[in-house]
Amino acid sequence: MDDNKRRRSRVEAQFDAFVLLGDEKIPVHTRNISMKGVLCAYDPRLKAGVECVILFVLTKEIRFRIAARIVRSLESGTAIDFQSMDETAFFHLRNIVRYSSEDADRIDRELETPAFFQKDGKQ
């Protein structure tokens, strides 16, 4: 997708996380992240169209989960779209994205505009 069509900035952020698929906990390594999704290294167990949960473990005490859907899984990488998160997850995700961005204020400005539209095209 053309970057100027994106409603959220993508930033490089390499760290380890887990994709939870039922009882399976699959370790992944992130390549980039936004407030709307994450791109991870490819893993053949991650199939497009599957709902999952992303578990981020920042420290032993700080971890959070985001409900998500795998939207693309190719050898070039696995793209995962965030579906919903609680306030704690939002807080930590925002901090990760802001910290990794060259323009942290831009990230905050982007949050003033809804990233998602209803099926009828309304915000």
PDB file of N, CA and C in Angstrom:
ATOM      1  N   MET A   1       0.844  -1.176   0.000  1.00  0.00           N
ATOM      2  CA  MET A   1       0.000   0.000   0.000  1.00  0.00           C
ATOM      3  C   MET A   1       0.885   1.233   0.000  1.00  0.00           C
ATOM      4  N   ASP A   2       0.496   2.220  -0.738  1.00  0.00           N
ATOM      5  CA  ASP A   2       1.222   3.471  -0.811  1.00  0.00           C
ATOM      6  C   ASP A   2       1.208   4.134   0.561  1.00  0.00           C
ATOM      7  N   ASP A   3       2.374   4.598   1.036  1.00  0.00           N
ATOM      8  CA  ASP A   3       2.468   5.180   2.369  1.00  0.00           C
ATOM      9  C   ASP A   3       1.508   6.341   2.582  1.00  0.00           C
ATOM     10  N   ASN A   4       1.247   7.153   1.545  1.00  0.00           N
ATOM     11  CA  ASN A   4       0.381   8.302   1.757  1.00  0.00           C
ATOM     12  C   ASN A   4      -1.088   7.907   1.912  1.00  0.00           C
ATOM     13  N   LYS A   5      -1.446   6.655   1.720  1.00  0.00           N
ATOM     14  CA  LYS A   5      -2.801   6.173   1.975  1.00  0.00           C
ATOM     15  C   LYS A   5      -2.941   5.661   3.404  1.00  0.00           C
ATOM     16  N   ARG A   6      -1.856   5.489   4.094  1.00  0.00           N
ATOM     17  CA  ARG A   6      -1.884   4.981   5.464  1.00  0.00           C
ATOM     18  C   ARG A   6      -2.436   6.038   6.403  1.00  0.00           C
ATOM     19  N   ARG A   7      -3.236   5.575   7.345  1.00  0.00           N
ATOM     20  CA  ARG A   7      -3.801   6.487   8.333  1.00  0.00           C
ATOM     21  C   ARG A   7      -2.959   6.502   9.608  1.00  0.00           C
ATOM     22  N   ARG A   8      -1.988   5.602   9.696  1.00  0.00           N
ATOM     23  CA  ARG A   8      -1.094   5.537  10.852  1.00  0.00           C
ATOM     24  C   ARG A   8       0.331   5.317  10.366  1.00  0.00           C
ATOM     25  N   SER A   9       1.272   6.019  10.977  1.00  0.00           N
ATOM     26  CA  SER A   9       2.683   5.878  10.616  1.00  0.00           C
ATOM     27  C   SER A   9       3.208   4.522  11.053  1.00  0.00           C
ATOM     28  N   ARG A  10       4.032   3.950  10.208  1.00  0.00           N
ATOM     29  CA  ARG A  10       4.739   2.713  10.512  1.00  0.00           C
ATOM     30  C   ARG A  10       6.141   3.082  10.967  1.00  0.00           C
ATOM     31  N   VAL A  11       6.624   2.435  12.006  1.00  0.00           N
ATOM     32  CA  VAL A  11       7.981   2.698  12.485  1.00  0.00           C
ATOM     33  C   VAL A  11       8.728   1.377  12.613  1.00  0.00           C
ATOM     34  N   GLU A  12      10.032   1.438  12.391  1.00  0.00           N
ATOM     35  CA  GLU A  12      10.845   0.241  12.598  1.00  0.00           C
ATOM     36  C   GLU A  12      10.919  -0.042  14.089  1.00  0.00           C
ATOM     37  N   ALA A  13      10.666  -1.275  14.440  1.00  0.00           N
ATOM     38  CA  ALA A  13      10.726  -1.683  15.842  1.00  0.00           C
ATOM     39  C   ALA A  13      10.951  -3.186  15.868  1.00  0.00           C
ATOM     40  N   GLN A  14      12.157  -3.578  16.180  1.00  0.00           N
ATOM     41  CA  GLN A  14      12.481  -5.001  16.218  1.00  0.00           C
ATOM     42  C   GLN A  14      12.527  -5.487  17.662  1.00  0.00           C
ATOM     43  N   PHE A  15      11.595  -6.355  17.968  1.00  0.00           N
ATOM     44  CA  PHE A  15      11.604  -6.999  19.274  1.00  0.00           C
ATOM     45  C   PHE A  15      10.821  -8.297  19.178  1.00  0.00           C
ATOM     46  N   ASP A  16      10.897  -9.083  20.225  1.00  0.00           N
ATOM     47  CA  ASP A  16      10.228 -10.375  20.238  1.00  0.00           C
ATOM     48  C   ASP A  16       8.832 -10.246  20.831  1.00  0.00           C
ATOM     49  N   ALA A  17       7.908 -11.019  20.293  1.00  0.00           N
ATOM     50  CA  ALA A  17       6.530 -11.072  20.768  1.00  0.00           C
ATOM     51  C   ALA A  17       6.035 -12.499  20.540  1.00  0.00           C
ATOM     52  N   PHE A  18       4.766 -12.727  20.814  1.00  0.00           N
ATOM     53  CA  PHE A  18       4.166 -14.043  20.595  1.00  0.00           C
ATOM     54  C   PHE A  18       2.826 -13.879  19.897  1.00  0.00           C
ATOM     55  N   VAL A  19       2.531 -14.794  18.995  1.00  0.00           N
ATOM     56  CA  VAL A  19       1.200 -14.882  18.399  1.00  0.00           C
ATOM     57  C   VAL A  19       0.516 -16.067  19.060  1.00  0.00           C
ATOM     58  N   LEU A  20      -0.628 -15.805  19.662  1.00  0.00           N
ATOM     59  CA  LEU A  20      -1.385 -16.854  20.331  1.00  0.00           C
ATOM     60  C   LEU A  20      -2.495 -17.324  19.405  1.00  0.00           C
ATOM     61  N   LEU A  21      -2.433 -18.599  19.046  1.00  0.00           N
ATOM     62  CA  LEU A  21      -3.445 -19.246  18.198  1.00  0.00           C
ATOM     63  C   LEU A  21      -4.013 -20.407  18.994  1.00  0.00           C
ATOM     64  N   GLY A  22      -5.157 -20.202  19.614  1.00  0.00           N
ATOM     65  CA  GLY A  22      -5.705 -21.244  20.482  1.00  0.00           C
ATOM     66  C   GLY A  22      -4.741 -21.523  21.616  1.00  0.00           C
ATOM     67  N   ASP A  23      -4.303 -22.773  21.745  1.00  0.00           N
ATOM     68  CA  ASP A  23      -3.352 -23.148  22.794  1.00  0.00           C
ATOM     69  C   ASP A  23      -1.903 -22.996  22.358  1.00  0.00           C
ATOM     70  N   GLU A  24      -1.693 -22.615  21.110  1.00  0.00           N
ATOM     71  CA  GLU A  24      -0.333 -22.502  20.574  1.00  0.00           C
ATOM     72  C   GLU A  24       0.219 -21.089  20.790  1.00  0.00           C
ATOM     73  N   LYS A  25       1.464 -21.017  21.241  1.00  0.00           N
ATOM     74  CA  LYS A  25       2.153 -19.747  21.492  1.00  0.00           C
ATOM     75  C   LYS A  25       3.364 -19.701  20.561  1.00  0.00           C
ATOM     76  N   ILE A  26       3.250 -18.924  19.477  1.00  0.00           N
ATOM     77  CA  ILE A  26       4.272 -18.897  18.433  1.00  0.00           C
ATOM     78  C   ILE A  26       5.152 -17.663  18.600  1.00  0.00           C
ATOM     79  N   PRO A  27       6.449 -17.837  18.844  1.00  0.00           N
ATOM     80  CA  PRO A  27       7.331 -16.672  18.964  1.00  0.00           C
ATOM     81  C   PRO A  27       7.526 -16.010  17.599  1.00  0.00           C
ATOM     82  N   VAL A  28       7.503 -14.679  17.593  1.00  0.00           N
ATOM     83  CA  VAL A  28       7.731 -13.914  16.368  1.00  0.00           C
ATOM     84  C   VAL A  28       8.697 -12.775  16.663  1.00  0.00           C
ATOM     85  N   HIS A  29       9.300 -12.266  15.596  1.00  0.00           N
ATOM     86  CA  HIS A  29      10.189 -11.109  15.707  1.00  0.00           C
ATOM     87  C   HIS A  29       9.603 -10.001  14.842  1.00  0.00           C
ATOM     88  N   THR A  30       9.332  -8.851  15.451  1.00  0.00           N
ATOM     89  CA  THR A  30       8.709  -7.760  14.708  1.00  0.00           C
ATOM     90  C   THR A  30       9.728  -7.041  13.836  1.00  0.00           C
ATOM     91  N   ARG A  31       9.227  -6.494  12.728  1.00  0.00           N
ATOM     92  CA  ARG A  31      10.054  -5.677  11.831  1.00  0.00           C
ATOM     93  C   ARG A  31       9.637  -4.217  11.910  1.00  0.00           C
ATOM     94  N   ASN A  32       8.324  -3.991  11.838  1.00  0.00           N
ATOM     95  CA  ASN A  32       7.816  -2.637  12.027  1.00  0.00           C
ATOM     96  C   ASN A  32       6.434  -2.723  12.648  1.00  0.00           C
ATOM     97  N   ILE A  33       5.997  -1.575  13.174  1.00  0.00           N
ATOM     98  CA  ILE A  33       4.745  -1.557  13.926  1.00  0.00           C
ATOM     99  C   ILE A  33       4.085  -0.200  13.749  1.00  0.00           C
ATOM    100  N   SER A  34       2.771  -0.186  13.880  1.00  0.00           N
ATOM    101  CA  SER A  34       2.006   1.060  13.887  1.00  0.00           C
ATOM    102  C   SER A  34       0.918   0.896  14.941  1.00  0.00           C
ATOM    103  N   MET A  35       0.091   1.910  15.083  1.00  0.00           N
ATOM    104  CA  MET A  35      -1.023   1.810  16.016  1.00  0.00           C
ATOM    105  C   MET A  35      -2.116   0.895  15.460  1.00  0.00           C
ATOM    106  N   LYS A  36      -1.973   0.468  14.235  1.00  0.00           N
ATOM    107  CA  LYS A  36      -2.998  -0.342  13.578  1.00  0.00           C
ATOM    108  C   LYS A  36      -2.553  -1.773  13.265  1.00  0.00           C
ATOM    109  N   GLY A  37      -1.245  -2.052  13.363  1.00  0.00           N
ATOM    110  CA  GLY A  37      -0.799  -3.402  13.051  1.00  0.00           C
ATOM    111  C   GLY A  37       0.697  -3.571  13.174  1.00  0.00           C
ATOM    112  N   VAL A  38       1.151  -4.786  12.841  1.00  0.00           N
ATOM    113  CA  VAL A  38       2.565  -5.115  12.973  1.00  0.00           C
ATOM    114  C   VAL A  38       2.981  -6.020  11.813  1.00  0.00           C
ATOM    115  N   LEU A  39       4.221  -5.871  11.382  1.00  0.00           N
ATOM    116  CA  LEU A  39       4.811  -6.774  10.396  1.00  0.00           C
ATOM    117  C   LEU A  39       5.862  -7.599  11.115  1.00  0.00           C
ATOM    118  N   CYS A  40       5.728  -8.917  11.009  1.00  0.00           N
ATOM    119  CA  CYS A  40       6.649  -9.847  11.665  1.00  0.00           C
ATOM    120  C   CYS A  40       7.387 -10.668  10.621  1.00  0.00           C
ATOM    121  N   ALA A  41       8.462 -11.288  11.065  1.00  0.00           N
ATOM    122  CA  ALA A  41       9.151 -12.251  10.214  1.00  0.00           C
ATOM    123  C   ALA A  41       8.187 -13.398   9.912  1.00  0.00           C
ATOM    124  N   TYR A  42       8.357 -14.015   8.764  1.00  0.00           N
ATOM    125  CA  TYR A  42       7.473 -15.088   8.297  1.00  0.00           C
ATOM    126  C   TYR A  42       7.574 -16.329   9.178  1.00  0.00           C
ATOM    127  N   ASP A  43       6.430 -16.929   9.426  1.00  0.00           N
ATOM    128  CA  ASP A  43       6.345 -18.233  10.078  1.00  0.00           C
ATOM    129  C   ASP A  43       5.225 -18.990   9.369  1.00  0.00           C
ATOM    130  N   PRO A  44       5.502 -20.170   8.821  1.00  0.00           N
ATOM    131  CA  PRO A  44       4.485 -20.888   8.044  1.00  0.00           C
ATOM    132  C   PRO A  44       3.245 -21.279   8.845  1.00  0.00           C
ATOM    133  N   ARG A  45       3.323 -21.255  10.161  1.00  0.00           N
ATOM    134  CA  ARG A  45       2.154 -21.589  10.984  1.00  0.00           C
ATOM    135  C   ARG A  45       1.127 -20.460  11.017  1.00  0.00           C
ATOM    136  N   LEU A  46       1.550 -19.262  10.609  1.00  0.00           N
ATOM    137  CA  LEU A  46       0.657 -18.103  10.629  1.00  0.00           C
ATOM    138  C   LEU A  46       0.001 -17.962   9.265  1.00  0.00           C
ATOM    139  N   LYS A  47      -1.297 -18.196   9.208  1.00  0.00           N
ATOM    140  CA  LYS A  47      -2.045 -18.216   7.948  1.00  0.00           C
ATOM    141  C   LYS A  47      -2.939 -16.983   7.829  1.00  0.00           C
ATOM    142  N   ALA A  48      -2.988 -16.403   6.649  1.00  0.00           N
ATOM    143  CA  ALA A  48      -3.842 -15.243   6.390  1.00  0.00           C
ATOM    144  C   ALA A  48      -5.300 -15.576   6.683  1.00  0.00           C
ATOM    145  N   GLY A  49      -5.998 -14.603   7.269  1.00  0.00           N
ATOM    146  CA  GLY A  49      -7.416 -14.759   7.574  1.00  0.00           C
ATOM    147  C   GLY A  49      -7.711 -15.292   8.955  1.00  0.00           C
ATOM    148  N   VAL A  50      -6.690 -15.680   9.686  1.00  0.00           N
ATOM    149  CA  VAL A  50      -6.878 -16.280  11.008  1.00  0.00           C
ATOM    150  C   VAL A  50      -6.845 -15.199  12.088  1.00  0.00           C
ATOM    151  N   GLU A  51      -7.805 -15.278  13.010  1.00  0.00           N
ATOM    152  CA  GLU A  51      -7.800 -14.376  14.156  1.00  0.00           C
ATOM    153  C   GLU A  51      -6.819 -14.907  15.190  1.00  0.00           C
ATOM    154  N   CYS A  52      -6.189 -13.979  15.905  1.00  0.00           N
ATOM    155  CA  CYS A  52      -5.168 -14.363  16.878  1.00  0.00           C
ATOM    156  C   CYS A  52      -5.086 -13.293  17.956  1.00  0.00           C
ATOM    157  N   VAL A  53      -4.181 -13.489  18.873  1.00  0.00           N
ATOM    158  CA  VAL A  53      -3.857 -12.493  19.890  1.00  0.00           C
ATOM    159  C   VAL A  53      -2.350 -12.303  19.849  1.00  0.00           C
ATOM    160  N   ILE A  54      -1.915 -11.046  19.865  1.00  0.00           N
ATOM    161  CA  ILE A  54      -0.487 -10.744  19.930  1.00  0.00           C
ATOM    162  C   ILE A  54      -0.153 -10.453  21.385  1.00  0.00           C
ATOM    163  N   LEU A  55       0.839 -11.140  21.898  1.00  0.00           N
ATOM    164  CA  LEU A  55       1.308 -10.920  23.265  1.00  0.00           C
ATOM    165  C   LEU A  55       2.666 -10.242  23.193  1.00  0.00           C
ATOM    166  N   PHE A  56       2.719  -9.035  23.722  1.00  0.00           N
ATOM    167  CA  PHE A  56       3.972  -8.289  23.798  1.00  0.00           C
ATOM    168  C   PHE A  56       4.485  -8.386  25.228  1.00  0.00           C
ATOM    169  N   VAL A  57       5.733  -8.795  25.391  1.00  0.00           N
ATOM    170  CA  VAL A  57       6.356  -8.885  26.711  1.00  0.00           C
ATOM    171  C   VAL A  57       7.515  -7.898  26.710  1.00  0.00           C
ATOM    172  N   LEU A  58       7.283  -6.746  27.345  1.00  0.00           N
ATOM    173  CA  LEU A  58       8.308  -5.704  27.357  1.00  0.00           C
ATOM    174  C   LEU A  58       9.332  -5.944  28.460  1.00  0.00           C
ATOM    175  N   THR A  59       8.847  -6.333  29.621  1.00  0.00           N
ATOM    176  CA  THR A  59       9.701  -6.726  30.747  1.00  0.00           C
ATOM    177  C   THR A  59       8.972  -7.871  31.452  1.00  0.00           C
ATOM    178  N   LYS A  60       9.592  -8.378  32.495  1.00  0.00           N
ATOM    179  CA  LYS A  60       8.952  -9.459  33.249  1.00  0.00           C
ATOM    180  C   LYS A  60       7.599  -9.008  33.808  1.00  0.00           C
ATOM    181  N   GLU A  61       7.512  -7.731  34.172  1.00  0.00           N
ATOM    182  CA  GLU A  61       6.285  -7.199  34.764  1.00  0.00           C
ATOM    183  C   GLU A  61       5.347  -6.554  33.751  1.00  0.00           C
ATOM    184  N   ILE A  62       5.861  -6.132  32.606  1.00  0.00           N
ATOM    185  CA  ILE A  62       5.044  -5.398  31.635  1.00  0.00           C
ATOM    186  C   ILE A  62       4.780  -6.259  30.412  1.00  0.00           C
ATOM    187  N   ARG A  63       3.529  -6.652  30.267  1.00  0.00           N
ATOM    188  CA  ARG A  63       3.093  -7.426  29.108  1.00  0.00           C
ATOM    189  C   ARG A  63       1.676  -6.990  28.778  1.00  0.00           C
ATOM    190  N   PHE A  64       1.327  -7.083  27.498  1.00  0.00           N
ATOM    191  CA  PHE A  64      -0.028  -6.730  27.091  1.00  0.00           C
ATOM    192  C   PHE A  64      -0.417  -7.521  25.857  1.00  0.00           C
ATOM    193  N   ARG A  65      -1.732  -7.627  25.653  1.00  0.00           N
ATOM    194  CA  ARG A  65      -2.285  -8.415  24.550  1.00  0.00           C
ATOM    195  C   ARG A  65      -3.148  -7.533  23.665  1.00  0.00           C
ATOM    196  N   ILE A  66      -3.132  -7.858  22.370  1.00  0.00           N
ATOM    197  CA  ILE A  66      -3.977  -7.161  21.403  1.00  0.00           C
ATOM    198  C   ILE A  66      -4.657  -8.213  20.529  1.00  0.00           C
ATOM    199  N   ALA A  67      -5.983  -8.136  20.441  1.00  0.00           N
ATOM    200  CA  ALA A  67      -6.724  -9.022  19.538  1.00  0.00           C
ATOM    201  C   ALA A  67      -6.416  -8.590  18.109  1.00  0.00           C
ATOM    202  N   ALA A  68      -6.174  -9.561  17.231  1.00  0.00           N
ATOM    203  CA  ALA A  68      -5.702  -9.226  15.886  1.00  0.00           C
ATOM    204  C   ALA A  68      -6.166 -10.254  14.862  1.00  0.00           C
ATOM    205  N   ARG A  69      -5.850  -9.963  13.603  1.00  0.00           N
ATOM    206  CA  ARG A  69      -6.148 -10.871  12.485  1.00  0.00           C
ATOM    207  C   ARG A  69      -4.946 -10.864  11.554  1.00  0.00           C
ATOM    208  N   ILE A  70      -4.521 -12.043  11.138  1.00  0.00           N
ATOM    209  CA  ILE A  70      -3.416 -12.158  10.183  1.00  0.00           C
ATOM    210  C   ILE A  70      -3.981 -11.820   8.803  1.00  0.00           C
ATOM    211  N   VAL A  71      -3.428 -10.787   8.174  1.00  0.00           N
ATOM    212  CA  VAL A  71      -3.970 -10.352   6.880  1.00  0.00           C
ATOM    213  C   VAL A  71      -3.112 -10.790   5.702  1.00  0.00           C
ATOM    214  N   ARG A  72      -1.845 -11.090   5.954  1.00  0.00           N
ATOM    215  CA  ARG A  72      -0.961 -11.559   4.878  1.00  0.00           C
ATOM    216  C   ARG A  72       0.155 -12.373   5.513  1.00  0.00           C
ATOM    217  N   SER A  73       0.498 -13.491   4.881  1.00  0.00           N
ATOM    218  CA  SER A  73       1.588 -14.313   5.388  1.00  0.00           C
ATOM    219  C   SER A  73       2.367 -14.872   4.205  1.00  0.00           C
ATOM    220  N   LEU A  74       3.448 -14.192   3.879  1.00  0.00           N
ATOM    221  CA  LEU A  74       4.319 -14.554   2.762  1.00  0.00           C
ATOM    222  C   LEU A  74       5.742 -14.680   3.283  1.00  0.00           C
ATOM    223  N   GLU A  75       6.620 -15.254   2.486  1.00  0.00           N
ATOM    224  CA  GLU A  75       8.013 -15.374   2.916  1.00  0.00           C
ATOM    225  C   GLU A  75       8.635 -14.013   3.205  1.00  0.00           C
ATOM    226  N   SER A  76       8.089 -12.957   2.611  1.00  0.00           N
ATOM    227  CA  SER A  76       8.603 -11.609   2.859  1.00  0.00           C
ATOM    228  C   SER A  76       8.162 -11.059   4.212  1.00  0.00           C
ATOM    229  N   GLY A  77       7.186 -11.706   4.852  1.00  0.00           N
ATOM    230  CA  GLY A  77       6.754 -11.279   6.171  1.00  0.00           C
ATOM    231  C   GLY A  77       5.291 -11.572   6.424  1.00  0.00           C
ATOM    232  N   THR A  78       4.915 -11.508   7.685  1.00  0.00           N
ATOM    233  CA  THR A  78       3.538 -11.736   8.099  1.00  0.00           C
ATOM    234  C   THR A  78       2.963 -10.432   8.621  1.00  0.00           C
ATOM    235  N   ALA A  79       1.898  -9.949   7.972  1.00  0.00           N
ATOM    236  CA  ALA A  79       1.237  -8.704   8.368  1.00  0.00           C
ATOM    237  C   ALA A  79       0.036  -9.039   9.241  1.00  0.00           C
ATOM    238  N   ILE A  80      -0.035  -8.378  10.382  1.00  0.00           N
ATOM    239  CA  ILE A  80      -1.101  -8.635  11.343  1.00  0.00           C
ATOM    240  C   ILE A  80      -1.792  -7.312  11.649  1.00  0.00           C
ATOM    241  N   ASP A  81      -3.112  -7.301  11.499  1.00  0.00           N
ATOM    242  CA  ASP A  81      -3.924  -6.107  11.707  1.00  0.00           C
ATOM    243  C   ASP A  81      -4.537  -6.164  13.102  1.00  0.00           C
ATOM    244  N   PHE A  82      -4.352  -5.105  13.891  1.00  0.00           N
ATOM    245  CA  PHE A  82      -4.937  -5.064  15.223  1.00  0.00           C
ATOM    246  C   PHE A  82      -6.442  -4.845  15.112  1.00  0.00           C
ATOM    247  N   GLN A  83      -7.210  -5.592  15.901  1.00  0.00           N
ATOM    248  CA  GLN A  83      -8.668  -5.501  15.896  1.00  0.00           C
ATOM    249  C   GLN A  83      -9.198  -4.754  17.114  1.00  0.00           C
ATOM    250  N   SER A  84      -8.668  -5.060  18.294  1.00  0.00           N
ATOM    251  CA  SER A  84      -9.119  -4.376  19.508  1.00  0.00           C
ATOM    252  C   SER A  84      -8.069  -4.534  20.601  1.00  0.00           C
ATOM    253  N   MET A  85      -8.079  -3.554  21.509  1.00  0.00           N
ATOM    254  CA  MET A  85      -7.131  -3.574  22.632  1.00  0.00           C
ATOM    255  C   MET A  85      -7.729  -2.799  23.791  1.00  0.00           C
ATOM    256  N   ASP A  86      -7.277  -3.106  24.996  1.00  0.00           N
ATOM    257  CA  ASP A  86      -7.738  -2.359  26.157  1.00  0.00           C
ATOM    258  C   ASP A  86      -6.858  -1.122  26.352  1.00  0.00           C
ATOM    259  N   GLU A  87      -7.188  -0.322  27.362  1.00  0.00           N
ATOM    260  CA  GLU A  87      -6.465   0.933  27.595  1.00  0.00           C
ATOM    261  C   GLU A  87      -4.993   0.707  27.910  1.00  0.00           C
ATOM    262  N   THR A  88      -4.688  -0.342  28.654  1.00  0.00           N
ATOM    263  CA  THR A  88      -3.296  -0.627  28.999  1.00  0.00           C
ATOM    264  C   THR A  88      -2.492  -0.963  27.750  1.00  0.00           C
ATOM    265  N   ALA A  89      -3.048  -1.798  26.890  1.00  0.00           N
ATOM    266  CA  ALA A  89      -2.365  -2.148  25.641  1.00  0.00           C
ATOM    267  C   ALA A  89      -2.170  -0.906  24.779  1.00  0.00           C
ATOM    268  N   PHE A  90      -3.204  -0.064  24.685  1.00  0.00           N
ATOM    269  CA  PHE A  90      -3.102   1.167  23.899  1.00  0.00           C
ATOM    270  C   PHE A  90      -1.971   2.048  24.431  1.00  0.00           C
ATOM    271  N   PHE A  91      -1.903   2.205  25.739  1.00  0.00           N
ATOM    272  CA  PHE A  91      -0.873   3.030  26.373  1.00  0.00           C
ATOM    273  C   PHE A  91       0.528   2.533  26.008  1.00  0.00           C
ATOM    274  N   HIS A  92       0.759   1.234  26.157  1.00  0.00           N
ATOM    275  CA  HIS A  92       2.089   0.685  25.869  1.00  0.00           C
ATOM    276  C   HIS A  92       2.403   0.709  24.377  1.00  0.00           C
ATOM    277  N   LEU A  93       1.427   0.376  23.542  1.00  0.00           N
ATOM    278  CA  LEU A  93       1.642   0.412  22.093  1.00  0.00           C
ATOM    279  C   LEU A  93       1.973   1.830  21.637  1.00  0.00           C
ATOM    280  N   ARG A  94       1.222   2.796  22.114  1.00  0.00           N
ATOM    281  CA  ARG A  94       1.485   4.198  21.767  1.00  0.00           C
ATOM    282  C   ARG A  94       2.905   4.586  22.161  1.00  0.00           C
ATOM    283  N   ASN A  95       3.335   4.186  23.334  1.00  0.00           N
ATOM    284  CA  ASN A  95       4.696   4.514  23.770  1.00  0.00           C
ATOM    285  C   ASN A  95       5.747   3.851  22.889  1.00  0.00           C
ATOM    286  N   ILE A  96       5.526   2.607  22.490  1.00  0.00           N
ATOM    287  CA  ILE A  96       6.467   1.915  21.596  1.00  0.00           C
ATOM    288  C   ILE A  96       6.573   2.664  20.275  1.00  0.00           C
ATOM    289  N   VAL A  97       5.423   3.005  19.700  1.00  0.00           N
ATOM    290  CA  VAL A  97       5.411   3.678  18.399  1.00  0.00           C
ATOM    291  C   VAL A  97       6.024   5.071  18.510  1.00  0.00           C
ATOM    292  N   ARG A  98       5.660   5.823  19.541  1.00  0.00           N
ATOM    293  CA  ARG A  98       6.221   7.173  19.721  1.00  0.00           C
ATOM    294  C   ARG A  98       7.738   7.109  19.910  1.00  0.00           C
ATOM    295  N   TYR A  99       8.188   6.198  20.751  1.00  0.00           N
ATOM    296  CA  TYR A  99       9.618   6.084  21.037  1.00  0.00           C
ATOM    297  C   TYR A  99      10.413   5.719  19.786  1.00  0.00           C
ATOM    298  N   SER A 100       9.827   4.905  18.928  1.00  0.00           N
ATOM    299  CA  SER A 100      10.516   4.437  17.721  1.00  0.00           C
ATOM    300  C   SER A 100      10.403   5.407  16.550  1.00  0.00           C
ATOM    301  N   SER A 101       9.568   6.420  16.694  1.00  0.00           N
ATOM    302  CA  SER A 101       9.319   7.371  15.612  1.00  0.00           C
ATOM    303  C   SER A 101      10.326   8.516  15.629  1.00  0.00           C
ATOM    304  N   GLU A 102      10.620   9.038  14.438  1.00  0.00           N
ATOM    305  CA  GLU A 102      11.458  10.239  14.359  1.00  0.00           C
ATOM    306  C   GLU A 102      10.668  11.474  14.763  1.00  0.00           C
ATOM    307  N   ASP A 103       9.332  11.397  14.721  1.00  0.00           N
ATOM    308  CA  ASP A 103       8.461  12.523  15.052  1.00  0.00           C
ATOM    309  C   ASP A 103       7.334  12.026  15.955  1.00  0.00           C
ATOM    310  N   ALA A 104       7.602  11.984  17.254  1.00  0.00           N
ATOM    311  CA  ALA A 104       6.624  11.458  18.210  1.00  0.00           C
ATOM    312  C   ALA A 104       5.338  12.276  18.214  1.00  0.00           C
ATOM    313  N   ASP A 105       5.446  13.583  17.996  1.00  0.00           N
ATOM    314  CA  ASP A 105       4.245  14.419  17.978  1.00  0.00           C
ATOM    315  C   ASP A 105       3.327  14.052  16.816  1.00  0.00           C
ATOM    316  N   ARG A 106       3.902  13.612  15.710  1.00  0.00           N
ATOM    317  CA  ARG A 106       3.092  13.186  14.560  1.00  0.00           C
ATOM    318  C   ARG A 106       2.200  12.007  14.943  1.00  0.00           C
ATOM    319  N   ILE A 107       2.736  11.097  15.728  1.00  0.00           N
ATOM    320  CA  ILE A 107       1.956   9.938  16.169  1.00  0.00           C
ATOM    321  C   ILE A 107       0.739  10.413  16.952  1.00  0.00           C
ATOM    322  N   ASP A 108       0.937  11.362  17.853  1.00  0.00           N
ATOM    323  CA  ASP A 108      -0.185  11.889  18.632  1.00  0.00           C
ATOM    324  C   ASP A 108      -1.191  12.615  17.747  1.00  0.00           C
ATOM    325  N   ARG A 109      -0.714  13.365  16.761  1.00  0.00           N
ATOM    326  CA  ARG A 109      -1.630  14.060  15.844  1.00  0.00           C
ATOM    327  C   ARG A 109      -2.468  13.057  15.050  1.00  0.00           C
ATOM    328  N   GLU A 110      -1.857  11.964  14.641  1.00  0.00           N
ATOM    329  CA  GLU A 110      -2.592  10.940  13.888  1.00  0.00           C
ATOM    330  C   GLU A 110      -3.727  10.340  14.713  1.00  0.00           C
ATOM    331  N   LEU A 111      -3.549  10.290  16.011  1.00  0.00           N
ATOM    332  CA  LEU A 111      -4.570   9.697  16.875  1.00  0.00           C
ATOM    333  C   LEU A 111      -5.816  10.572  16.995  1.00  0.00           C
ATOM    334  N   GLU A 112      -5.733  11.809  16.525  1.00  0.00           N
ATOM    335  CA  GLU A 112      -6.893  12.699  16.548  1.00  0.00           C
ATOM    336  C   GLU A 112      -7.910  12.326  15.472  1.00  0.00           C
ATOM    337  N   THR A 113      -7.495  11.524  14.485  1.00  0.00           N
ATOM    338  CA  THR A 113      -8.362  11.102  13.380  1.00  0.00           C
ATOM    339  C   THR A 113      -8.611   9.604  13.490  1.00  0.00           C
ATOM    340  N   PRO A 114      -9.866   9.166  13.398  1.00  0.00           N
ATOM    341  CA  PRO A 114     -10.137   7.723  13.469  1.00  0.00           C
ATOM    342  C   PRO A 114      -9.395   6.947  12.383  1.00  0.00           C
ATOM    343  N   ALA A 115      -8.875   5.793  12.749  1.00  0.00           N
ATOM    344  CA  ALA A 115      -8.144   4.953  11.790  1.00  0.00           C
ATOM    345  C   ALA A 115      -9.065   3.980  11.079  1.00  0.00           C
ATOM    346  N   PHE A 116     -10.243   3.776  11.621  1.00  0.00           N
ATOM    347  CA  PHE A 116     -11.141   2.763  11.084  1.00  0.00           C
ATOM    348  C   PHE A 116     -12.434   3.405  10.614  1.00  0.00           C
ATOM    349  N   PHE A 117     -13.018   2.822   9.595  1.00  0.00           N
ATOM    350  CA  PHE A 117     -14.306   3.266   9.087  1.00  0.00           C
ATOM    351  C   PHE A 117     -15.303   2.130   9.197  1.00  0.00           C
ATOM    352  N   GLN A 118     -16.577   2.485   9.390  1.00  0.00           N
ATOM    353  CA  GLN A 118     -17.630   1.483   9.353  1.00  0.00           C
ATOM    354  C   GLN A 118     -17.822   1.045   7.911  1.00  0.00           C
ATOM    355  N   LYS A 119     -18.512  -0.036   7.708  1.00  0.00           N
ATOM    356  CA  LYS A 119     -18.713  -0.559   6.357  1.00  0.00           C
ATOM    357  C   LYS A 119     -19.430   0.427   5.446  1.00  0.00           C
ATOM    358  N   ASP A 120     -20.233   1.332   6.015  1.00  0.00           N
ATOM    359  CA  ASP A 120     -20.937   2.309   5.186  1.00  0.00           C
ATOM    360  C   ASP A 120     -20.067   3.525   4.869  1.00  0.00           C
ATOM    361  N   GLY A 121     -18.787   3.491   5.286  1.00  0.00           N
ATOM    362  CA  GLY A 121     -17.851   4.566   4.979  1.00  0.00           C
ATOM    363  C   GLY A 121     -17.809   5.670   6.013  1.00  0.00           C
ATOM    364  N   LYS A 122     -18.643   5.580   7.054  1.00  0.00           N
ATOM    365  CA  LYS A 122     -18.646   6.598   8.102  1.00  0.00           C
ATOM    366  C   LYS A 122     -17.559   6.295   9.119  1.00  0.00           C
ATOM    367  N   GLN A 123     -17.115   7.355   9.780  1.00  0.00           N
ATOM    368  CA  GLN A 123     -16.090   7.174  10.817  1.00  0.00           C
ATOM    369  C   GLN A 123     -16.725   6.736  12.102  1.00  0.00           C
TER     370      GLN A 123
END
